[in-house]
């Protein structure tokens, strides 16, 4: 499952929780749901940025091998 799908599912679950709790007098402000979604999006973007670039020692070694064999 990709990151965008995970974010959509989490936002949907938060929306369902909000709909379920409102009749009982509990309200989750939309700003809180938006804030949680933003935090999840930032974490997902940071993770993708880290994993898809050659930033770690292992990644730098991988890049060297790719360049050595003219694959990148």
C-alpha atoms as a PDB file:
ATOM      1  CA  UNK A   1       0.000   0.000   0.000  1.00  0.00           C
ATOM      2  CA  UNK A   2       1.399   3.390  -0.933  1.00  0.00           C
ATOM      3  CA  UNK A   3       1.695   6.367   1.406  1.00  0.00           C
ATOM      4  CA  UNK A   4      -1.136   8.334  -0.170  1.00  0.00           C
ATOM      5  CA  UNK A   5      -3.517   5.438   0.411  1.00  0.00           C
ATOM      6  CA  UNK A   6      -2.482   5.219   4.062  1.00  0.00           C
ATOM      7  CA  UNK A   7      -3.093   8.950   4.510  1.00  0.00           C
ATOM      8  CA  UNK A   8      -6.519   8.705   2.887  1.00  0.00           C
ATOM      9  CA  UNK A   9      -7.485   5.755   5.100  1.00  0.00           C
ATOM     10  CA  UNK A  10      -6.359   7.539   8.277  1.00  0.00           C
ATOM     11  CA  UNK A  11      -8.288  10.679   7.342  1.00  0.00           C
ATOM     12  CA  UNK A  12     -11.338   8.571   6.554  1.00  0.00           C
ATOM     13  CA  UNK A  13     -11.123   6.780   9.905  1.00  0.00           C
ATOM     14  CA  UNK A  14     -10.829  10.118  11.720  1.00  0.00           C
ATOM     15  CA  UNK A  15     -13.893  11.337   9.850  1.00  0.00           C
ATOM     16  CA  UNK A  16     -15.835   8.211  10.816  1.00  0.00           C
ATOM     17  CA  UNK A  17     -14.835   8.625  14.456  1.00  0.00           C
ATOM     18  CA  UNK A  18     -15.986  12.235  14.320  1.00  0.00           C
ATOM     19  CA  UNK A  19     -19.346  11.209  12.815  1.00  0.00           C
ATOM     20  CA  UNK A  20     -19.800   8.482  15.402  1.00  0.00           C
ATOM     21  CA  UNK A  21     -18.975  10.674  18.422  1.00  0.00           C
ATOM     22  CA  UNK A  22     -20.960  13.803  17.472  1.00  0.00           C
ATOM     23  CA  UNK A  23     -24.394  12.380  18.420  1.00  0.00           C
ATOM     24  CA  UNK A  24     -23.020  11.640  21.895  1.00  0.00           C
ATOM     25  CA  UNK A  25     -21.877  15.225  22.458  1.00  0.00           C
ATOM     26  CA  UNK A  26     -18.183  14.743  21.673  1.00  0.00           C
ATOM     27  CA  UNK A  27     -16.814  16.970  18.977  1.00  0.00           C
ATOM     28  CA  UNK A  28     -13.497  16.665  17.233  1.00  0.00           C
ATOM     29  CA  UNK A  29     -12.698  19.992  15.611  1.00  0.00           C
ATOM     30  CA  UNK A  30     -11.945  19.910  11.901  1.00  0.00           C
ATOM     31  CA  UNK A  31      -8.710  21.767  12.645  1.00  0.00           C
ATOM     32  CA  UNK A  32      -7.492  18.803  14.710  1.00  0.00           C
ATOM     33  CA  UNK A  33      -8.262  16.377  11.892  1.00  0.00           C
ATOM     34  CA  UNK A  34      -6.470  18.669   9.434  1.00  0.00           C
ATOM     35  CA  UNK A  35      -3.472  18.959  11.768  1.00  0.00           C
ATOM     36  CA  UNK A  36      -3.211  15.180  12.131  1.00  0.00           C
ATOM     37  CA  UNK A  37      -3.464  14.743   8.361  1.00  0.00           C
ATOM     38  CA  UNK A  38      -0.739  17.366   7.850  1.00  0.00           C
ATOM     39  CA  UNK A  39       1.594  15.639  10.314  1.00  0.00           C
ATOM     40  CA  UNK A  40       1.060  12.300   8.582  1.00  0.00           C
ATOM     41  CA  UNK A  41       1.705  13.918   5.191  1.00  0.00           C
ATOM     42  CA  UNK A  42       4.941  15.533   6.422  1.00  0.00           C
ATOM     43  CA  UNK A  43       6.182  12.219   7.838  1.00  0.00           C
ATOM     44  CA  UNK A  44       5.306  10.402   4.601  1.00  0.00           C
ATOM     45  CA  UNK A  45       7.045  13.053   2.462  1.00  0.00           C
ATOM     46  CA  UNK A  46      10.162  12.937   4.655  1.00  0.00           C
ATOM     47  CA  UNK A  47      10.236   9.134   4.493  1.00  0.00           C
ATOM     48  CA  UNK A  48       9.859   9.062   0.711  1.00  0.00           C
ATOM     49  CA  UNK A  49      12.514  11.749   0.341  1.00  0.00           C
ATOM     50  CA  UNK A  50      14.930   9.772   2.489  1.00  0.00           C
ATOM     51  CA  UNK A  51      14.269   6.395   0.875  1.00  0.00           C
ATOM     52  CA  UNK A  52      14.367   7.619  -2.739  1.00  0.00           C
ATOM     53  CA  UNK A  53      17.663   9.480  -2.487  1.00  0.00           C
ATOM     54  CA  UNK A  54      21.211   8.439  -1.861  1.00  0.00           C
ATOM     55  CA  UNK A  55      21.673  10.113   1.539  1.00  0.00           C
ATOM     56  CA  UNK A  56      22.837   7.286   3.816  1.00  0.00           C
ATOM     57  CA  UNK A  57      26.145   5.414   3.650  1.00  0.00           C
ATOM     58  CA  UNK A  58      24.357   2.464   2.081  1.00  0.00           C
ATOM     59  CA  UNK A  59      22.695   4.725  -0.470  1.00  0.00           C
ATOM     60  CA  UNK A  60      25.985   6.361  -1.410  1.00  0.00           C
ATOM     61  CA  UNK A  61      27.543   2.934  -1.956  1.00  0.00           C
ATOM     62  CA  UNK A  62      24.581   1.920  -4.107  1.00  0.00           C
ATOM     63  CA  UNK A  63      24.985   5.061  -6.202  1.00  0.00           C
ATOM     64  CA  UNK A  64      28.689   4.355  -6.688  1.00  0.00           C
ATOM     65  CA  UNK A  65      27.907   0.820  -7.910  1.00  0.00           C
ATOM     66  CA  UNK A  66      25.233   2.126 -10.286  1.00  0.00           C
ATOM     67  CA  UNK A  67      27.617   4.712 -11.717  1.00  0.00           C
ATOM     68  CA  UNK A  68      30.450   2.176 -11.953  1.00  0.00           C
ATOM     69  CA  UNK A  69      28.327  -0.057 -14.184  1.00  0.00           C
ATOM     70  CA  UNK A  70      26.806   2.912 -16.031  1.00  0.00           C
ATOM     71  CA  UNK A  71      23.298   2.092 -14.806  1.00  0.00           C
ATOM     72  CA  UNK A  72      22.489   5.580 -13.645  1.00  0.00           C
END
